[in-house]
């Protein structure tokens, strides 16, 4: 085979590989962007909704901590660290005080 043709074939292969890698990278970026957009849509759809019954959650103040209470099933939901904040309080009768949140 002619050396010029070999060089041309090698160049074509190189540029095809570069083009493929660019397209592959663009597809990965697009997939990542779509996944992030889907995550944001789901977050907006479910924001402050009860995971049990889907009704709206209401923030209530309990001893200085904002807890989420369902307006439908009256379930009580804690964000990360809120249970520990309540437990760390040194006042006696933690569970008795906590039960007041469950009353209508």
Protein backbone atom coordinates (compact mmCIF):
# COMPACT_ATOMS: atom_id res chain seq x y z
CA UNK A 1 0.00 0.00 0.00
CA UNK A 2 1.15 3.49 -0.82
CA UNK A 3 2.63 5.29 2.27
CA UNK A 4 0.54 8.38 1.49
CA UNK A 5 -2.65 6.30 1.52
CA UNK A 6 -1.59 4.65 4.81
CA UNK A 7 -0.99 8.04 6.38
CA UNK A 8 -4.31 9.33 5.06
CA UNK A 9 -6.13 6.25 6.43
CA UNK A 10 -4.46 6.71 9.83
CA UNK A 11 -5.44 10.40 9.87
CA UNK A 12 -9.02 9.56 8.93
CA UNK A 13 -9.16 6.96 11.69
CA UNK A 14 -7.71 9.42 14.21
CA UNK A 15 -10.18 12.18 13.34
CA UNK A 16 -13.10 9.71 13.33
CA UNK A 17 -12.07 8.60 16.82
CA UNK A 18 -11.85 12.24 18.01
CA UNK A 19 -15.27 12.99 16.51
CA UNK A 20 -16.77 9.88 18.15
CA UNK A 21 -15.35 10.86 21.56
CA UNK A 22 -16.78 14.40 21.18
CA UNK A 23 -20.22 13.04 20.34
CA UNK A 24 -20.03 10.54 23.19
CA UNK A 25 -19.11 13.31 25.63
CA UNK A 26 -21.96 15.51 24.37
CA UNK A 27 -24.42 12.64 24.84
CA UNK A 28 -23.23 12.04 28.40
CA UNK A 29 -23.57 15.75 29.19
CA UNK A 30 -27.07 15.78 27.68
CA UNK A 31 -28.08 12.71 29.71
CA UNK A 32 -26.74 14.31 32.88
CA UNK A 33 -28.62 17.55 32.16
CA UNK A 34 -31.84 15.62 31.50
CA UNK A 35 -31.40 13.66 34.74
CA UNK A 36 -30.87 16.88 36.69
CA UNK A 37 -33.94 18.48 35.09
CA UNK A 38 -36.02 15.39 35.93
CA UNK A 39 -34.80 15.52 39.51
CA UNK A 40 -35.80 19.19 39.76
CA UNK A 41 -39.25 18.42 38.29
CA UNK A 42 -39.81 15.65 40.84
CA UNK A 43 -38.63 17.86 43.67
CA UNK A 44 -41.04 20.63 42.61
CA UNK A 45 -43.88 18.12 42.25
CA UNK A 46 -43.36 16.55 45.68
CA UNK A 47 -42.08 19.55 47.65
CA UNK A 48 -43.78 19.74 51.05
CA UNK A 49 -46.09 16.83 50.23
CA UNK A 50 -46.65 13.94 52.62
CA UNK A 51 -44.81 10.79 51.51
CA UNK A 52 -47.65 8.69 52.95
CA UNK A 53 -50.84 10.30 51.62
CA UNK A 54 -49.64 13.10 49.32
CA UNK A 55 -51.40 15.92 51.16
CA UNK A 56 -49.73 19.25 51.86
CA UNK A 57 -47.26 19.46 54.74
CA UNK A 58 -47.42 22.31 57.23
CA UNK A 59 -44.36 23.48 59.15
CA UNK A 60 -45.00 23.74 62.86
CA UNK A 61 -42.73 25.05 65.56
CA UNK A 62 -42.00 22.62 68.40
CA UNK A 63 -39.62 23.98 71.00
CA UNK A 64 -37.77 26.07 68.44
CA UNK A 65 -37.48 23.32 65.82
CA UNK A 66 -39.48 23.44 62.58
CA UNK A 67 -41.21 20.07 62.10
CA UNK A 68 -43.33 19.05 59.12
CA UNK A 69 -46.88 17.86 59.87
CA UNK A 70 -49.23 16.42 57.27
CA UNK A 71 -52.52 18.26 56.88
CA UNK A 72 -54.23 14.99 55.89
CA UNK A 73 -53.01 12.01 57.91
CA UNK A 74 -51.42 14.21 60.62
CA UNK A 75 -48.12 12.35 60.26
CA UNK A 76 -45.08 14.08 61.70
CA UNK A 77 -41.87 14.19 59.68
CA UNK A 78 -38.41 15.23 60.77
CA UNK A 79 -35.68 16.72 58.60
CA UNK A 80 -32.11 15.55 59.05
CA UNK A 81 -30.87 16.28 62.56
CA UNK A 82 -34.19 17.40 64.06
CA UNK A 83 -34.76 14.25 66.10
CA UNK A 84 -31.29 14.55 67.58
CA UNK A 85 -31.95 18.21 68.46
CA UNK A 86 -35.07 17.18 70.35
CA UNK A 87 -33.34 14.31 72.13
CA UNK A 88 -30.43 16.56 73.10
CA UNK A 89 -32.72 18.89 75.00
CA UNK A 90 -32.33 18.19 78.69
CA UNK A 91 -35.90 18.90 79.76
CA UNK A 92 -37.59 15.87 81.36
CA UNK A 93 -40.47 14.10 79.65
CA UNK A 94 -39.36 14.41 76.05
CA UNK A 95 -41.84 11.83 74.77
CA UNK A 96 -44.72 13.39 76.72
CA UNK A 97 -43.90 16.79 75.24
CA UNK A 98 -43.59 15.31 71.76
CA UNK A 99 -47.06 13.75 71.94
CA UNK A 100 -48.58 17.22 72.10
CA UNK A 101 -47.62 17.66 68.45
CA UNK A 102 -49.87 14.74 67.42
CA UNK A 103 -53.03 16.20 68.95
CA UNK A 104 -55.41 18.17 66.72
